């Protein structure tokens, strides 16, 4: 609003945080805890991507799919059988929505009143101006600003795609009725998770991608997941080039070329999970001297500062890791650097990551290719799960463990795992990397028998011996 003279009302703060998701809240709480006055600027639904349309809703639905699959998979045990099916899609979606609403209220909206130094504004889109931020007719000023506006799905450059109805990771989980069949464009972690979940719900699923499933994972891991997907009835076409997409009365038709030959794919609906773009449009960032990359992401230094002094950024709006826990971590660093004058540096060297497929895919540190590119003389160990007692007892040997190490120093550089409990297991490897362990030290670490994490020890021992020749518990 304006004052009596018509001049925009100006409010003064120590810090302005633009974006009310995980990164925005992390930055605001950090500054408020340090006694600083914060203006938190939201736009739209409070809570950001993770709680509203990302981690929470997708994992709730993925768990439901796992429950259905587990009932059928019980037959892998002799003398056991089980059946389960989805009988009410609308009820499942409603339960997912209720969970989202509960967590959004509890973890975001209800937190604000407990931080008296944080003022929340939701009066329209924010635009950077000299010395602060303008929202509507209000100008908020502060010496430091943190941008944490997140990102959104984008459409790939395929002929005809803007003329046909498409779903993204959000709208797919908002459908009123379960679709009969789906084509997923994109084999990254979002596409992989949702494709498997929908297949387990009884939907015919086809996944199409330019390179391979999970292109950021080790090739052995990608191949193992591809085999798992195909065993569950998911049709996969990787290494394709896109031609055109169209719609008729029967649904969607996608034409691609695979191995130089034309291929036509048909489904009721098309799901696009092939990329995201940072939410920086219309904020006046480039006019303020803030450098962006080709997807509109803010380029930041390791201290979280942009190319404009005093302006910081964190989370999916930046050119860094696109994980909610890294968004919160980066925002905390940005806030402390901005308002307390600290010199914290963003460090993702031992950042674990997880893909919630089944088997779960997880990794930390350098891949084999990254290690070689960094100049290491590399040695690797690949252990299939049929060498892990836990997997044998569970009668589920889908997966493997791959470790990467420096051949000269024996220092662990990274590793990836595809296993039913891969998400929990990877943190042990992250700790090993954090403390600079060698493969020999990891192989000598005492780990409990009949656990998935024991597979890390066995994989470390595989560098120097044939673990198949060990007796139980003899590692």
Protein backbone atom coordinates (compact mmCIF):
# COMPACT_ATOMS: atom_id res chain seq x y z
CA UNK A 1 0.00 0.00 0.00
CA UNK A 2 0.97 3.67 -0.37
CA UNK A 3 1.26 6.38 2.23
CA UNK A 4 -0.91 9.53 2.17
CA UNK A 5 1.26 11.10 -0.56
CA UNK A 6 0.91 8.09 -2.85
CA UNK A 7 4.51 6.96 -2.33
CA UNK A 8 4.98 3.18 -1.95
CA UNK A 9 5.25 2.11 1.68
CA UNK A 10 8.81 1.15 2.61
CA UNK A 11 9.64 -1.43 5.29
CA UNK A 12 13.16 -1.96 6.64
CA UNK A 13 14.67 -5.33 7.61
CA UNK A 14 18.04 -6.98 8.15
CA UNK A 15 17.33 -9.66 5.55
CA UNK A 16 14.82 -10.31 2.79
CA UNK A 17 14.13 -13.91 1.81
CA UNK A 18 12.22 -14.41 -1.43
CA UNK A 19 10.52 -17.80 -1.53
CA UNK A 20 8.63 -19.65 1.21
CA UNK A 21 9.69 -23.24 0.61
CA UNK A 22 12.26 -25.36 2.41
CA UNK A 23 15.19 -23.12 1.49
CA UNK A 24 13.29 -19.93 2.32
CA UNK A 25 12.23 -21.19 5.73
CA UNK A 26 15.73 -22.48 6.50
CA UNK A 27 17.25 -19.08 5.68
CA UNK A 28 14.61 -17.15 7.63
CA UNK A 29 14.78 -19.30 10.76
CA UNK A 30 18.59 -19.18 10.77
CA UNK A 31 18.60 -15.38 10.62
CA UNK A 32 15.79 -15.01 13.19
CA UNK A 33 17.60 -17.30 15.60
CA UNK A 34 20.55 -14.92 15.30
CA UNK A 35 18.35 -11.99 16.31
CA UNK A 36 17.86 -10.51 12.84
CA UNK A 37 14.62 -9.06 11.46
CA UNK A 38 13.51 -10.99 8.38
CA UNK A 39 10.98 -10.30 5.65
CA UNK A 40 9.90 -13.64 4.18
CA UNK A 41 8.17 -13.18 0.84
CA UNK A 42 5.94 -15.96 -0.45
CA UNK A 43 3.89 -16.23 -3.61
CA UNK A 44 1.25 -18.90 -3.96
CA UNK A 45 1.00 -21.96 -1.73
CA UNK A 46 3.32 -21.85 1.25
CA UNK A 47 5.78 -24.72 1.64
CA UNK A 48 7.40 -24.95 -1.78
CA UNK A 49 7.95 -27.99 -3.98
CA UNK A 50 8.86 -30.73 -1.52
CA UNK A 51 5.83 -30.79 0.74
CA UNK A 52 3.27 -29.69 -1.85
CA UNK A 53 4.09 -31.38 -5.15
CA UNK A 54 7.40 -33.20 -4.74
CA UNK A 55 8.86 -35.46 -2.05
CA UNK A 56 5.85 -35.88 0.21
CA UNK A 57 3.04 -36.64 -2.27
CA UNK A 58 5.18 -38.76 -4.58
CA UNK A 59 6.66 -40.90 -1.81
CA UNK A 60 3.23 -41.45 -0.27
CA UNK A 61 1.99 -42.82 -3.59
CA UNK A 62 5.20 -44.78 -4.20
CA UNK A 63 4.77 -46.51 -0.83
CA UNK A 64 1.25 -47.50 -1.81
CA UNK A 65 2.59 -49.02 -5.00
CA UNK A 66 5.23 -50.89 -3.00
CA UNK A 67 2.53 -52.35 -0.75
CA UNK A 68 0.68 -53.71 -3.78
CA UNK A 69 3.85 -55.14 -5.28
CA UNK A 70 5.00 -56.66 -1.98
CA UNK A 71 1.81 -58.67 -1.67
CA UNK A 72 2.33 -60.24 -5.10
CA UNK A 73 6.08 -60.63 -4.52
CA UNK A 74 5.43 -62.74 -1.42
CA UNK A 75 5.32 -65.74 -3.73
CA UNK A 76 9.12 -65.64 -3.93
CA UNK A 77 9.04 -67.46 -0.58
CA UNK A 78 8.09 -71.13 -0.95
CA UNK A 79 4.69 -71.84 0.59
CA UNK A 80 3.65 -68.16 0.63
CA UNK A 81 1.24 -66.31 -1.64
CA UNK A 82 -0.46 -62.94 -1.55
CA UNK A 83 -2.65 -60.61 -3.56
CA UNK A 84 -3.39 -56.88 -3.48
CA UNK A 85 -4.79 -54.34 -5.90
CA UNK A 86 -5.78 -50.72 -6.16
CA UNK A 87 -9.55 -50.55 -5.95
CA UNK A 88 -10.09 -46.81 -5.33
CA UNK A 89 -7.68 -44.38 -7.00
CA UNK A 90 -9.67 -41.35 -5.83
CA UNK A 91 -9.42 -42.42 -2.18
CA UNK A 92 -5.66 -42.88 -2.47
CA UNK A 93 -5.23 -39.44 -4.03
CA UNK A 94 -7.44 -37.87 -1.36
CA UNK A 95 -5.34 -39.46 1.40
CA UNK A 96 -2.19 -38.13 -0.26
CA UNK A 97 -3.72 -34.64 -0.39
CA UNK A 98 -4.68 -34.83 3.28
CA UNK A 99 -1.11 -35.76 4.24
CA UNK A 100 0.26 -32.85 2.20
CA UNK A 101 -2.16 -30.40 3.80
CA UNK A 102 -1.32 -31.65 7.30
CA UNK A 103 2.44 -31.36 6.83
CA UNK A 104 2.18 -28.01 5.07
CA UNK A 105 0.20 -26.61 7.99
CA UNK A 106 2.34 -28.20 10.71
CA UNK A 107 5.81 -27.66 9.22
CA UNK A 108 5.30 -24.30 7.54
CA UNK A 109 2.19 -22.21 8.27
CA UNK A 110 2.04 -23.01 11.99
CA UNK A 111 5.76 -22.30 12.44
CA UNK A 112 5.60 -18.65 11.41
CA UNK A 113 3.87 -17.25 14.55
CA UNK A 114 6.61 -18.76 16.73
CA UNK A 115 9.25 -16.59 15.04
CA UNK A 116 8.45 -13.03 16.09
CA UNK A 117 11.32 -11.57 14.08
CA UNK A 118 9.96 -13.01 10.80
CA UNK A 119 7.25 -11.09 8.94
CA UNK A 120 5.50 -12.99 6.15
CA UNK A 121 4.33 -11.24 2.99
CA UNK A 122 2.19 -12.80 0.26
CA UNK A 123 1.11 -9.85 -1.82
CA UNK A 124 2.13 -10.91 -5.31
CA UNK A 125 5.23 -11.70 -7.34
CA UNK A 126 8.51 -10.22 -6.14
CA UNK A 127 10.81 -8.01 -8.19
CA UNK A 128 14.27 -6.92 -7.16
CA UNK A 129 14.86 -3.17 -7.00
CA UNK A 130 17.74 -1.08 -5.76
CA UNK A 131 18.21 -1.81 -2.09
CA UNK A 132 15.42 -4.34 -1.76
CA UNK A 133 12.36 -6.05 -3.22
CA UNK A 134 9.05 -4.74 -4.57
CA UNK A 135 5.83 -6.71 -4.16
CA UNK A 136 2.72 -5.03 -5.42
CA UNK A 137 2.88 -1.46 -4.21
CA UNK A 138 5.10 -2.29 -1.25
CA UNK A 139 8.88 -1.86 -1.21
CA UNK A 140 10.80 -3.88 1.34
CA UNK A 141 14.39 -2.86 1.96
CA UNK A 142 17.29 -4.71 3.51
CA UNK A 143 21.07 -4.75 3.04
CA UNK A 144 21.02 -8.47 2.22
CA UNK A 145 18.69 -10.61 0.09
CA UNK A 146 18.39 -14.37 -0.36
CA UNK A 147 16.50 -15.71 -3.39
CA UNK A 148 14.94 -19.14 -2.90
CA UNK A 149 12.09 -19.30 -5.41
CA UNK A 150 12.60 -22.90 -6.54
CA UNK A 151 11.94 -24.40 -9.95
CA UNK A 152 9.24 -25.91 -12.15
CA UNK A 153 8.86 -28.61 -14.84
CA UNK A 154 9.48 -27.67 -18.47
CA UNK A 155 8.55 -29.14 -21.84
CA UNK A 156 11.33 -30.55 -24.03
CA UNK A 157 11.69 -29.25 -27.61
CA UNK A 158 9.65 -31.95 -29.36
CA UNK A 159 7.54 -31.08 -32.39
CA UNK A 160 3.86 -30.86 -31.47
CA UNK A 161 4.29 -31.15 -27.72
CA UNK A 162 2.79 -27.73 -27.00
CA UNK A 163 -0.36 -28.68 -28.91
CA UNK A 164 -1.15 -31.86 -26.94
CA UNK A 165 -2.24 -32.24 -23.30
CA UNK A 166 0.66 -33.27 -21.07
CA UNK A 167 1.02 -34.25 -17.45
CA UNK A 168 3.93 -33.45 -15.16
CA UNK A 169 4.90 -34.92 -11.79
CA UNK A 170 2.28 -32.71 -10.11
CA UNK A 171 -0.75 -33.11 -12.36
CA UNK A 172 -0.19 -36.88 -12.69
CA UNK A 173 -0.87 -37.28 -8.97
CA UNK A 174 -3.94 -35.04 -9.19
CA UNK A 175 -5.82 -37.08 -11.81
CA UNK A 176 -9.41 -37.81 -10.81
CA UNK A 177 -9.31 -41.23 -12.48
CA UNK A 178 -6.52 -43.73 -12.93
CA UNK A 179 -5.34 -43.72 -16.56
CA UNK A 180 -5.24 -46.92 -18.61
CA UNK A 181 -1.80 -46.26 -20.12
CA UNK A 182 1.01 -43.72 -19.91
CA UNK A 183 4.08 -42.72 -21.88
CA UNK A 184 6.82 -41.12 -19.77
CA UNK A 185 9.25 -38.83 -21.58
CA UNK A 186 12.41 -38.77 -19.47
CA UNK A 187 14.22 -41.48 -17.56
CA UNK A 188 15.64 -39.37 -14.73
CA UNK A 189 14.84 -39.95 -11.08
CA UNK A 190 11.39 -38.34 -11.20
CA UNK A 191 10.32 -40.28 -14.27
CA UNK A 192 11.75 -43.54 -12.95
CA UNK A 193 10.04 -43.27 -9.56
CA UNK A 194 6.63 -42.36 -10.96
CA UNK A 195 6.74 -44.80 -13.87
CA UNK A 196 7.31 -47.77 -11.57
CA UNK A 197 4.67 -46.54 -9.12
CA UNK A 198 2.03 -46.21 -11.85
CA UNK A 199 2.87 -49.63 -13.26
CA UNK A 200 2.30 -51.13 -9.81
CA UNK A 201 -1.07 -49.39 -9.74
CA UNK A 202 -2.08 -51.43 -12.79
CA UNK A 203 -1.30 -48.88 -15.53
CA UNK A 204 0.43 -49.85 -18.77
CA UNK A 205 3.66 -47.84 -18.76
CA UNK A 206 6.23 -46.96 -21.42
CA UNK A 207 9.39 -44.99 -20.61
CA UNK A 208 11.24 -43.16 -23.39
CA UNK A 209 14.56 -41.36 -22.92
CA UNK A 210 17.42 -39.94 -24.98
CA UNK A 211 20.24 -41.78 -23.22
CA UNK A 212 19.46 -44.38 -20.55
CA UNK A 213 17.51 -44.85 -17.36
CA UNK A 214 19.03 -42.70 -14.60
CA UNK A 215 21.73 -41.19 -16.84
CA UNK A 216 23.56 -39.78 -13.81
CA UNK A 217 23.99 -43.20 -12.22
CA UNK A 218 26.73 -45.73 -12.92
CA UNK A 219 26.04 -47.76 -16.11
CA UNK A 220 25.89 -50.98 -14.07
CA UNK A 221 23.25 -49.45 -11.81
CA UNK A 222 21.25 -48.14 -14.77
CA UNK A 223 21.33 -51.55 -16.43
CA UNK A 224 20.20 -53.27 -13.23
CA UNK A 225 17.24 -50.90 -12.80
CA UNK A 226 16.29 -51.33 -16.46
CA UNK A 227 16.19 -55.10 -15.95
CA UNK A 228 14.01 -54.67 -12.86
CA UNK A 229 11.59 -52.40 -14.72
CA UNK A 230 11.25 -54.73 -17.66
CA UNK A 231 10.62 -57.65 -15.32
CA UNK A 232 7.69 -55.67 -13.89
CA UNK A 233 6.24 -55.12 -17.35
CA UNK A 234 7.47 -51.58 -18.05
CA UNK A 235 8.31 -51.00 -21.70
CA UNK A 236 11.56 -49.06 -22.01
CA UNK A 237 13.01 -47.36 -25.09
CA UNK A 238 16.32 -45.62 -24.42
CA UNK A 239 18.75 -43.98 -26.82
CA UNK A 240 15.98 -42.49 -28.93
CA UNK A 241 15.63 -39.24 -30.85
CA UNK A 242 12.23 -37.58 -30.75
CA UNK A 243 10.28 -36.91 -33.94
CA UNK A 244 6.76 -35.66 -33.22
CA UNK A 245 3.91 -36.06 -30.75
CA UNK A 246 0.22 -35.82 -31.66
CA UNK A 247 -3.25 -36.50 -30.26
CA UNK A 248 -6.34 -38.14 -31.69
CA UNK A 249 -9.51 -39.68 -30.33
CA UNK A 250 -7.59 -42.72 -29.06
CA UNK A 251 -5.03 -40.73 -27.07
CA UNK A 252 -1.41 -39.71 -27.58
CA UNK A 253 0.98 -40.90 -30.29
CA UNK A 254 4.71 -40.35 -29.89
CA UNK A 255 6.97 -41.00 -32.85
CA UNK A 256 10.66 -41.53 -32.20
CA UNK A 257 13.69 -43.00 -33.92
CA UNK A 258 15.56 -45.83 -32.26
CA UNK A 259 18.70 -47.30 -33.82
CA UNK A 260 17.87 -45.25 -36.92
CA UNK A 261 14.46 -46.86 -37.33
CA UNK A 262 11.07 -45.16 -36.78
CA UNK A 263 9.04 -46.30 -33.79
CA UNK A 264 5.46 -45.30 -32.95
CA UNK A 265 4.21 -45.44 -29.35
CA UNK A 266 0.64 -44.96 -28.16
CA UNK A 267 -0.95 -44.30 -24.78
CA UNK A 268 -3.93 -42.61 -23.18
CA UNK A 269 -1.81 -39.85 -21.62
CA UNK A 270 1.69 -38.37 -21.86
CA UNK A 271 3.81 -37.59 -18.78
CA UNK A 272 6.79 -35.25 -19.24
CA UNK A 273 9.57 -35.55 -16.66
CA UNK A 274 12.46 -34.43 -18.85
CA UNK A 275 13.66 -31.25 -17.20
CA UNK A 276 13.08 -28.31 -14.90
CA UNK A 277 13.59 -24.56 -15.07
CA UNK A 278 14.38 -22.14 -12.28
CA UNK A 279 11.67 -19.70 -11.16
CA UNK A 280 13.46 -16.48 -12.05
CA UNK A 281 11.24 -15.05 -14.79
CA UNK A 282 9.97 -11.52 -14.23
CA UNK A 283 12.10 -10.86 -11.14
CA UNK A 284 14.40 -8.38 -12.85
CA UNK A 285 17.49 -10.33 -11.89
CA UNK A 286 19.55 -9.79 -15.02
CA UNK A 287 18.73 -6.08 -14.92
CA UNK A 288 20.22 -6.06 -11.42
CA UNK A 289 23.41 -7.70 -12.66
CA UNK A 290 22.63 -11.23 -11.44
CA UNK A 291 24.03 -13.88 -13.78
CA UNK A 292 21.79 -16.77 -14.90
CA UNK A 293 22.56 -19.98 -16.78
CA UNK A 294 20.69 -21.37 -19.80
CA UNK A 295 17.84 -22.79 -17.73
CA UNK A 296 17.36 -19.53 -15.88
CA UNK A 297 19.15 -20.75 -12.76
CA UNK A 298 21.10 -18.30 -10.63
CA UNK A 299 24.84 -18.87 -10.78
CA UNK A 300 26.34 -18.71 -7.30
CA UNK A 301 29.78 -18.93 -5.74
CA UNK A 302 30.59 -21.45 -3.01
CA UNK A 303 29.66 -18.81 -0.42
CA UNK A 304 26.11 -18.81 -1.93
CA UNK A 305 26.51 -15.24 -3.22
CA UNK A 306 25.35 -14.25 -6.69
CA UNK A 307 27.23 -12.02 -9.09
CA UNK A 308 25.64 -9.03 -7.32
CA UNK A 309 27.21 -8.33 -3.90
CA UNK A 310 24.75 -8.69 -1.05
CA UNK A 311 22.37 -10.93 -3.00
CA UNK A 312 22.50 -14.65 -2.25
CA UNK A 313 20.55 -17.63 -3.56
CA UNK A 314 19.80 -21.20 -2.46
CA UNK A 315 17.85 -24.25 -3.51
CA UNK A 316 16.39 -25.26 -6.86
CA UNK A 317 16.61 -21.70 -8.19
CA UNK A 318 20.41 -22.04 -8.29
CA UNK A 319 22.82 -24.01 -10.47
CA UNK A 320 23.59 -26.39 -7.59
CA UNK A 321 22.14 -29.70 -6.35
CA UNK A 322 18.38 -30.10 -6.75
CA UNK A 323 17.58 -31.86 -3.46
CA UNK A 324 15.46 -30.45 -0.65
CA UNK A 325 18.02 -31.23 2.06
CA UNK A 326 20.73 -29.48 0.04
CA UNK A 327 18.40 -26.52 -0.47
CA UNK A 328 17.95 -26.21 3.30
CA UNK A 329 21.68 -26.69 3.87
CA UNK A 330 22.65 -24.08 1.28
CA UNK A 331 20.08 -21.61 2.59
CA UNK A 332 21.45 -21.90 6.11
CA UNK A 333 24.94 -21.14 4.84
CA UNK A 334 23.65 -18.23 2.78
CA UNK A 335 21.81 -16.77 5.76
CA UNK A 336 24.76 -17.00 8.12
CA UNK A 337 27.11 -15.54 5.52
CA UNK A 338 24.67 -12.73 4.70
CA UNK A 339 23.67 -11.51 8.16
CA UNK A 340 26.48 -12.73 10.42
CA UNK A 341 29.44 -12.07 8.15
CA UNK A 342 30.57 -15.69 8.20
CA UNK A 343 32.48 -17.34 5.34
CA UNK A 344 30.86 -20.76 5.09
CA UNK A 345 31.40 -22.68 1.84
CA UNK A 346 28.97 -25.02 0.08
CA UNK A 347 30.41 -28.54 0.15
CA UNK A 348 28.67 -31.48 -1.53
CA UNK A 349 31.66 -33.83 -1.63
CA UNK A 350 29.91 -36.35 0.62
CA UNK A 351 26.31 -35.54 -0.30
CA UNK A 352 24.23 -38.73 -0.46
CA UNK A 353 21.43 -38.95 -3.01
CA UNK A 354 18.56 -41.40 -3.35
CA UNK A 355 16.13 -42.50 -6.05
CA UNK A 356 13.05 -44.10 -4.49
CA UNK A 357 12.52 -46.81 -7.03
CA UNK A 358 12.37 -50.42 -5.88
CA UNK A 359 15.11 -51.53 -5.67
CA UNK A 360 16.27 -48.16 -4.31
CA UNK A 361 19.19 -46.43 -6.00
CA UNK A 362 21.56 -44.34 -3.91
CA UNK A 363 25.01 -42.87 -4.24
CA UNK A 364 27.62 -40.60 -2.72
CA UNK A 365 30.90 -39.13 -3.88
CA UNK A 366 32.43 -39.60 -7.33
CA UNK A 367 31.30 -42.05 -9.98
CA UNK A 368 33.94 -43.97 -11.92
CA UNK A 369 33.73 -41.52 -14.83
CA UNK A 370 33.89 -38.49 -12.52
CA UNK A 371 36.88 -39.92 -10.68
CA UNK A 372 38.78 -40.49 -13.92
CA UNK A 373 37.87 -37.00 -15.14
CA UNK A 374 39.26 -35.62 -11.87
CA UNK A 375 42.61 -37.22 -12.64
CA UNK A 376 42.51 -40.23 -10.32
CA UNK A 377 44.01 -43.58 -11.20
CA UNK A 378 40.84 -45.52 -10.50
CA UNK A 379 40.00 -48.98 -9.24
CA UNK A 380 36.46 -50.28 -8.83
CA UNK A 381 34.61 -53.08 -7.12
CA UNK A 382 31.20 -54.37 -8.26
CA UNK A 383 29.36 -56.78 -5.96
CA UNK A 384 26.03 -58.25 -7.02
CA UNK A 385 23.45 -58.78 -4.29
CA UNK A 386 23.51 -62.54 -4.70
CA UNK A 387 26.75 -62.27 -2.67
CA UNK A 388 25.01 -60.47 0.21
CA UNK A 389 23.45 -62.78 2.85
CA UNK A 390 20.67 -60.27 3.62
CA UNK A 391 19.49 -60.38 0.00
CA UNK A 392 19.68 -64.17 -0.11
CA UNK A 393 17.60 -64.49 3.08
CA UNK A 394 15.05 -62.04 1.68
CA UNK A 395 15.04 -63.94 -1.63
CA UNK A 396 15.49 -60.59 -3.36
CA UNK A 397 18.83 -60.23 -5.11
CA UNK A 398 17.81 -57.40 -7.44
CA UNK A 399 20.78 -55.06 -7.49
CA UNK A 400 24.45 -54.49 -6.81
CA UNK A 401 26.99 -52.30 -5.03
CA UNK A 402 29.77 -50.45 -6.84
CA UNK A 403 32.66 -48.76 -5.04
CA UNK A 404 35.20 -46.39 -6.59
CA UNK A 405 38.64 -45.82 -5.08
CA UNK A 406 42.01 -44.28 -5.87
CA UNK A 407 44.32 -47.09 -6.96
CA UNK A 408 47.44 -45.49 -5.48
CA UNK A 409 46.19 -44.37 -2.06
CA UNK A 410 43.33 -46.88 -1.67
CA UNK A 411 41.18 -43.91 -0.58
CA UNK A 412 37.44 -44.34 -1.16
CA UNK A 413 36.16 -41.82 -3.71
CA UNK A 414 32.51 -42.81 -4.02
CA UNK A 415 29.99 -45.54 -4.49
CA UNK A 416 26.50 -46.41 -5.62
CA UNK A 417 24.03 -49.07 -4.58
CA UNK A 418 20.85 -50.50 -5.99
CA UNK A 419 19.14 -52.58 -3.33
CA UNK A 420 15.79 -52.75 -1.51
CA UNK A 421 17.32 -50.88 1.47
CA UNK A 422 19.75 -48.75 -0.53
CA UNK A 423 18.48 -45.44 0.83
CA UNK A 424 19.40 -46.31 4.41
CA UNK A 425 22.63 -48.09 3.51
CA UNK A 426 24.19 -45.18 1.61
CA UNK A 427 24.62 -43.04 4.74
CA UNK A 428 27.23 -45.47 6.06
CA UNK A 429 29.25 -44.96 2.90
CA UNK A 430 28.78 -41.19 3.20
CA UNK A 431 30.26 -41.35 6.69
CA UNK A 432 33.15 -43.45 5.40
CA UNK A 433 33.94 -40.81 2.78
CA UNK A 434 33.55 -38.00 5.31
CA UNK A 435 36.25 -39.54 7.49
CA UNK A 436 38.58 -40.37 4.59
CA UNK A 437 38.42 -44.15 4.87
CA UNK A 438 40.30 -46.50 2.58
CA UNK A 439 38.78 -49.59 1.03
CA UNK A 440 40.89 -51.70 3.38
CA UNK A 441 39.54 -49.85 6.44
CA UNK A 442 35.95 -50.22 5.25
CA UNK A 443 36.55 -53.91 4.59
CA UNK A 444 37.81 -54.35 8.15
CA UNK A 445 34.92 -52.47 9.79
CA UNK A 446 32.66 -54.62 11.98
CA UNK A 447 29.15 -54.69 10.55
CA UNK A 448 26.14 -56.75 11.64
CA UNK A 449 25.41 -59.94 9.75
CA UNK A 450 22.27 -60.17 7.62
CA UNK A 451 22.06 -56.45 6.94
CA UNK A 452 22.26 -54.68 3.61
CA UNK A 453 24.99 -52.42 4.96
CA UNK A 454 27.18 -55.51 5.34
CA UNK A 455 27.24 -55.45 1.54
CA UNK A 456 29.45 -52.35 1.71
CA UNK A 457 32.01 -54.29 3.71
CA UNK A 458 31.87 -57.19 1.26
CA UNK A 459 32.18 -54.82 -1.71
CA UNK A 460 35.26 -53.26 -0.09
CA UNK A 461 36.79 -56.70 0.45
CA UNK A 462 36.07 -57.56 -3.20
CA UNK A 463 38.89 -55.22 -4.23
CA UNK A 464 41.37 -57.78 -2.90
CA UNK A 465 39.61 -61.14 -2.58
CA UNK A 466 36.82 -63.35 -3.85
CA UNK A 467 34.13 -62.93 -1.17
CA UNK A 468 32.24 -65.89 -2.58
CA UNK A 469 34.91 -68.05 -0.90
CA UNK A 470 34.20 -66.63 2.57
CA UNK A 471 32.02 -68.50 5.04
CA UNK A 472 29.12 -66.75 6.77
CA UNK A 473 30.26 -64.00 9.16
CA UNK A 474 33.92 -64.66 8.23
CA UNK A 475 34.53 -61.23 6.79
